[in-house]
Amino acid sequence: RPHKRPRDLDPSEHSPLVKAFGELVRKMWSDRRFKSTVDPHTFVQAVSDASDRRYRVGRQAEAGEFLAWLLHRLHVGLGGTRRAGSSVVHECFRGTVEVTT
């Protein structure tokens, strides 16, 4: 079901990272694709640009730190605020994460 609220940004106003992530997910889950592989190059480039090259190919980073950064950037890129439920990212991923080693 589509997730729509009146305060959502128009898709043309989404950040390049949000657009690249959406495109990647749509391609991965499309039942109309002829290829069985998906090229994540556009998304990887958007991550590199949005993070000022903090996260890029060939540079190791903490997975938990990257996930927190990505979810926050998607939340903000969709028009999310500090208010509960202000974006689909907050509604899906709110809560705590326990990291064990």
N, C-alpha and C. Protein backbone atom coordinates (compact mmCIF):
# COMPACT_ATOMS: atom_id res chain seq x y z
N ARG A 1 0.84 -1.18 0.00
CA ARG A 1 0.00 0.00 0.00
C ARG A 1 0.89 1.24 0.00
N PRO A 2 0.56 2.24 -0.78
CA PRO A 2 1.37 3.46 -0.78
C PRO A 2 1.25 4.18 0.54
N HIS A 3 2.33 4.77 0.96
CA HIS A 3 2.37 5.50 2.22
C HIS A 3 2.31 6.99 1.88
N LYS A 4 1.20 7.63 2.13
CA LYS A 4 1.03 9.03 1.75
C LYS A 4 0.42 9.82 2.88
N ARG A 5 1.02 10.95 3.18
CA ARG A 5 0.49 11.89 4.16
C ARG A 5 0.47 13.26 3.50
N PRO A 6 -0.43 14.14 3.90
CA PRO A 6 -0.51 15.46 3.27
C PRO A 6 0.78 16.26 3.38
N ARG A 7 1.57 16.05 4.42
CA ARG A 7 2.78 16.86 4.59
C ARG A 7 3.99 16.29 3.84
N ASP A 8 3.82 15.15 3.14
CA ASP A 8 4.94 14.58 2.40
C ASP A 8 5.42 15.54 1.31
N LEU A 9 6.70 15.50 1.06
CA LEU A 9 7.27 16.30 -0.01
C LEU A 9 6.81 15.77 -1.36
N ASP A 10 6.74 16.64 -2.32
CA ASP A 10 6.52 16.23 -3.70
C ASP A 10 7.76 15.42 -4.10
N PRO A 11 7.60 14.32 -4.85
CA PRO A 11 8.78 13.51 -5.22
C PRO A 11 9.89 14.30 -5.91
N SER A 12 9.55 15.36 -6.60
CA SER A 12 10.58 16.16 -7.26
C SER A 12 11.44 16.92 -6.24
N GLU A 13 10.97 17.02 -4.99
CA GLU A 13 11.72 17.73 -3.95
C GLU A 13 12.59 16.80 -3.11
N HIS A 14 12.51 15.50 -3.34
CA HIS A 14 13.31 14.55 -2.57
C HIS A 14 14.79 14.74 -2.87
N SER A 15 15.61 14.40 -1.90
CA SER A 15 17.06 14.51 -2.09
C SER A 15 17.52 13.48 -3.12
N PRO A 16 18.68 13.72 -3.75
CA PRO A 16 19.21 12.74 -4.71
C PRO A 16 19.42 11.36 -4.07
N LEU A 17 19.77 11.33 -2.78
CA LEU A 17 19.95 10.06 -2.09
C LEU A 17 18.63 9.30 -2.01
N VAL A 18 17.54 9.99 -1.67
CA VAL A 18 16.22 9.36 -1.59
C VAL A 18 15.82 8.83 -2.96
N LYS A 19 16.04 9.61 -3.99
CA LYS A 19 15.68 9.19 -5.35
C LYS A 19 16.47 7.95 -5.76
N ALA A 20 17.78 7.95 -5.49
CA ALA A 20 18.62 6.81 -5.87
C ALA A 20 18.24 5.55 -5.08
N PHE A 21 17.94 5.71 -3.80
CA PHE A 21 17.52 4.57 -2.98
C PHE A 21 16.19 4.01 -3.49
N GLY A 22 15.24 4.89 -3.79
CA GLY A 22 13.95 4.45 -4.31
C GLY A 22 14.09 3.71 -5.63
N GLU A 23 14.94 4.22 -6.50
CA GLU A 23 15.17 3.58 -7.79
C GLU A 23 15.78 2.19 -7.60
N LEU A 24 16.75 2.08 -6.71
CA LEU A 24 17.39 0.79 -6.44
C LEU A 24 16.39 -0.22 -5.91
N VAL A 25 15.57 0.17 -4.95
CA VAL A 25 14.59 -0.75 -4.37
C VAL A 25 13.55 -1.15 -5.40
N ARG A 26 13.09 -0.19 -6.20
CA ARG A 26 12.11 -0.53 -7.26
C ARG A 26 12.69 -1.53 -8.23
N LYS A 27 13.96 -1.35 -8.62
CA LYS A 27 14.58 -2.30 -9.56
C LYS A 27 14.74 -3.67 -8.93
N MET A 28 15.12 -3.72 -7.65
CA MET A 28 15.33 -5.01 -6.99
C MET A 28 14.04 -5.80 -6.89
N TRP A 29 12.92 -5.14 -6.68
CA TRP A 29 11.65 -5.82 -6.45
C TRP A 29 10.74 -5.84 -7.66
N SER A 30 11.22 -5.34 -8.80
CA SER A 30 10.39 -5.31 -10.00
C SER A 30 10.20 -6.72 -10.56
N ASP A 31 8.99 -7.05 -10.92
CA ASP A 31 8.74 -8.34 -11.57
C ASP A 31 8.79 -8.20 -13.09
N ARG A 32 9.14 -7.02 -13.59
CA ARG A 32 9.20 -6.77 -15.03
C ARG A 32 10.62 -6.69 -15.57
N ARG A 33 11.61 -6.90 -14.71
CA ARG A 33 13.00 -6.82 -15.15
C ARG A 33 13.39 -8.08 -15.91
N PHE A 34 14.19 -7.89 -16.95
CA PHE A 34 14.66 -9.02 -17.73
C PHE A 34 15.95 -9.59 -17.16
N LYS A 35 16.72 -8.75 -16.49
CA LYS A 35 17.98 -9.19 -15.90
C LYS A 35 17.75 -9.64 -14.47
N SER A 36 18.58 -10.56 -14.02
CA SER A 36 18.46 -11.02 -12.64
C SER A 36 19.39 -10.24 -11.71
N THR A 37 20.13 -9.27 -12.25
CA THR A 37 21.05 -8.47 -11.44
C THR A 37 20.63 -7.00 -11.47
N VAL A 38 21.04 -6.28 -10.45
CA VAL A 38 20.76 -4.85 -10.35
C VAL A 38 22.08 -4.14 -10.10
N ASP A 39 22.34 -3.08 -10.86
CA ASP A 39 23.57 -2.30 -10.70
C ASP A 39 23.32 -1.18 -9.68
N PRO A 40 24.00 -1.22 -8.54
CA PRO A 40 23.76 -0.20 -7.50
C PRO A 40 24.62 1.05 -7.68
N HIS A 41 25.26 1.23 -8.84
CA HIS A 41 26.21 2.32 -9.03
C HIS A 41 25.62 3.69 -8.70
N THR A 42 24.41 3.98 -9.15
CA THR A 42 23.80 5.28 -8.91
C THR A 42 23.60 5.52 -7.42
N PHE A 43 23.15 4.49 -6.70
CA PHE A 43 22.95 4.61 -5.26
C PHE A 43 24.29 4.80 -4.55
N VAL A 44 25.29 4.03 -4.92
CA VAL A 44 26.61 4.14 -4.29
C VAL A 44 27.17 5.55 -4.51
N GLN A 45 26.99 6.08 -5.71
CA GLN A 45 27.46 7.44 -6.01
C GLN A 45 26.69 8.47 -5.17
N ALA A 46 25.39 8.29 -5.02
CA ALA A 46 24.58 9.21 -4.22
C ALA A 46 25.00 9.17 -2.76
N VAL A 47 25.32 7.98 -2.23
CA VAL A 47 25.81 7.85 -0.86
C VAL A 47 27.14 8.58 -0.70
N SER A 48 28.03 8.37 -1.64
CA SER A 48 29.34 9.03 -1.59
C SER A 48 29.18 10.55 -1.60
N ASP A 49 28.33 11.05 -2.48
CA ASP A 49 28.12 12.50 -2.57
C ASP A 49 27.46 13.06 -1.32
N ALA A 50 26.41 12.39 -0.83
CA ALA A 50 25.67 12.89 0.33
C ALA A 50 26.51 12.85 1.61
N SER A 51 27.47 11.93 1.66
CA SER A 51 28.30 11.80 2.87
C SER A 51 29.62 12.56 2.75
N ASP A 52 29.75 13.38 1.70
CA ASP A 52 31.02 14.08 1.44
C ASP A 52 32.17 13.08 1.39
N ARG A 53 31.91 11.96 0.72
CA ARG A 53 32.87 10.87 0.47
C ARG A 53 33.31 10.14 1.74
N ARG A 54 32.56 10.29 2.81
CA ARG A 54 32.83 9.54 4.04
C ARG A 54 32.59 8.05 3.80
N TYR A 55 31.53 7.75 3.06
CA TYR A 55 31.21 6.37 2.68
C TYR A 55 31.39 6.26 1.18
N ARG A 56 32.37 5.48 0.77
CA ARG A 56 32.64 5.31 -0.66
C ARG A 56 33.26 3.94 -0.90
N VAL A 57 33.28 3.54 -2.14
CA VAL A 57 33.86 2.25 -2.52
C VAL A 57 35.34 2.27 -2.17
N GLY A 58 35.80 1.19 -1.56
CA GLY A 58 37.20 1.07 -1.21
C GLY A 58 37.57 1.60 0.16
N ARG A 59 36.62 2.16 0.86
CA ARG A 59 36.89 2.67 2.21
C ARG A 59 36.01 1.93 3.20
N GLN A 60 36.62 1.28 4.17
CA GLN A 60 35.90 0.50 5.16
C GLN A 60 35.26 1.41 6.20
N ALA A 61 34.06 1.02 6.63
CA ALA A 61 33.34 1.80 7.65
C ALA A 61 32.53 0.84 8.51
N GLU A 62 32.12 1.32 9.66
CA GLU A 62 31.29 0.52 10.56
C GLU A 62 29.88 0.40 9.98
N ALA A 63 29.37 -0.83 9.90
CA ALA A 63 28.06 -1.07 9.31
C ALA A 63 26.94 -0.38 10.09
N GLY A 64 26.98 -0.47 11.42
CA GLY A 64 25.95 0.16 12.25
C GLY A 64 25.95 1.66 12.11
N GLU A 65 27.13 2.25 12.04
CA GLU A 65 27.25 3.70 11.86
C GLU A 65 26.68 4.11 10.50
N PHE A 66 27.00 3.32 9.46
CA PHE A 66 26.48 3.62 8.13
C PHE A 66 24.96 3.50 8.10
N LEU A 67 24.41 2.46 8.70
CA LEU A 67 22.96 2.27 8.70
C LEU A 67 22.26 3.43 9.41
N ALA A 68 22.79 3.85 10.54
CA ALA A 68 22.21 4.99 11.26
C ALA A 68 22.26 6.24 10.40
N TRP A 69 23.39 6.48 9.75
CA TRP A 69 23.54 7.64 8.87
C TRP A 69 22.54 7.57 7.72
N LEU A 70 22.44 6.41 7.07
CA LEU A 70 21.55 6.25 5.92
C LEU A 70 20.09 6.47 6.30
N LEU A 71 19.65 5.86 7.39
CA LEU A 71 18.26 6.02 7.81
C LEU A 71 17.96 7.49 8.15
N HIS A 72 18.90 8.15 8.81
CA HIS A 72 18.70 9.56 9.14
C HIS A 72 18.60 10.40 7.87
N ARG A 73 19.51 10.17 6.92
CA ARG A 73 19.50 10.96 5.68
C ARG A 73 18.24 10.69 4.86
N LEU A 74 17.77 9.46 4.84
CA LEU A 74 16.52 9.16 4.13
C LEU A 74 15.35 9.85 4.82
N HIS A 75 15.33 9.81 6.15
CA HIS A 75 14.28 10.47 6.93
C HIS A 75 14.23 11.97 6.61
N VAL A 76 15.36 12.63 6.69
CA VAL A 76 15.43 14.06 6.42
C VAL A 76 15.12 14.35 4.94
N GLY A 77 15.63 13.50 4.05
CA GLY A 77 15.40 13.69 2.62
C GLY A 77 13.95 13.53 2.21
N LEU A 78 13.17 12.87 3.04
CA LEU A 78 11.73 12.72 2.78
C LEU A 78 10.91 13.81 3.48
N GLY A 79 11.59 14.75 4.11
CA GLY A 79 10.89 15.84 4.80
C GLY A 79 10.62 15.54 6.26
N GLY A 80 11.26 14.52 6.80
CA GLY A 80 11.05 14.16 8.20
C GLY A 80 11.59 15.20 9.15
N THR A 81 10.95 15.29 10.30
CA THR A 81 11.36 16.23 11.35
C THR A 81 11.57 15.44 12.64
N ARG A 82 11.71 16.13 13.75
CA ARG A 82 11.86 15.46 15.04
C ARG A 82 10.55 14.89 15.55
N ARG A 83 9.43 15.29 14.94
CA ARG A 83 8.12 14.81 15.37
C ARG A 83 7.94 13.34 15.03
N ALA A 84 7.37 12.60 15.94
CA ALA A 84 7.11 11.17 15.72
C ALA A 84 6.23 10.98 14.50
N GLY A 85 6.59 10.03 13.66
CA GLY A 85 5.78 9.70 12.49
C GLY A 85 5.87 10.70 11.36
N SER A 86 6.90 11.55 11.36
CA SER A 86 6.98 12.58 10.32
C SER A 86 7.50 12.06 8.98
N SER A 87 7.93 10.81 8.92
CA SER A 87 8.31 10.21 7.64
C SER A 87 8.09 8.71 7.73
N VAL A 88 8.03 8.08 6.58
CA VAL A 88 7.85 6.64 6.53
C VAL A 88 9.07 5.94 7.15
N VAL A 89 10.23 6.56 7.08
CA VAL A 89 11.43 5.97 7.69
C VAL A 89 11.25 5.90 9.20
N HIS A 90 10.77 6.97 9.79
CA HIS A 90 10.56 6.98 11.23
C HIS A 90 9.50 5.95 11.63
N GLU A 91 8.43 5.89 10.87
CA GLU A 91 7.35 4.96 11.21
C GLU A 91 7.79 3.50 11.11
N CYS A 92 8.68 3.19 10.19
CA CYS A 92 9.13 1.81 10.00
C CYS A 92 10.29 1.42 10.93
N PHE A 93 11.20 2.35 11.18
CA PHE A 93 12.44 2.00 11.87
C PHE A 93 12.62 2.62 13.24
N ARG A 94 11.61 3.30 13.76
CA ARG A 94 11.79 3.92 15.08
C ARG A 94 12.06 2.84 16.14
N GLY A 95 12.73 3.22 17.17
CA GLY A 95 13.03 2.28 18.22
C GLY A 95 14.51 2.26 18.54
N THR A 96 14.95 1.16 19.10
CA THR A 96 16.34 1.05 19.48
C THR A 96 16.99 -0.11 18.74
N VAL A 97 18.27 -0.04 18.65
CA VAL A 97 19.05 -1.09 18.02
C VAL A 97 20.08 -1.57 19.03
N GLU A 98 20.15 -2.86 19.19
CA GLU A 98 21.15 -3.43 20.08
C GLU A 98 22.24 -4.06 19.24
N VAL A 99 23.47 -3.62 19.46
CA VAL A 99 24.61 -4.14 18.71
C VAL A 99 25.38 -5.07 19.63
N THR A 100 25.54 -6.31 19.22
CA THR A 100 26.31 -7.27 19.99
C THR A 100 27.48 -7.75 19.16
N THR A 101 28.58 -8.08 19.83
CA THR A 101 29.75 -8.56 19.12
C THR A 101 30.15 -9.92 19.60
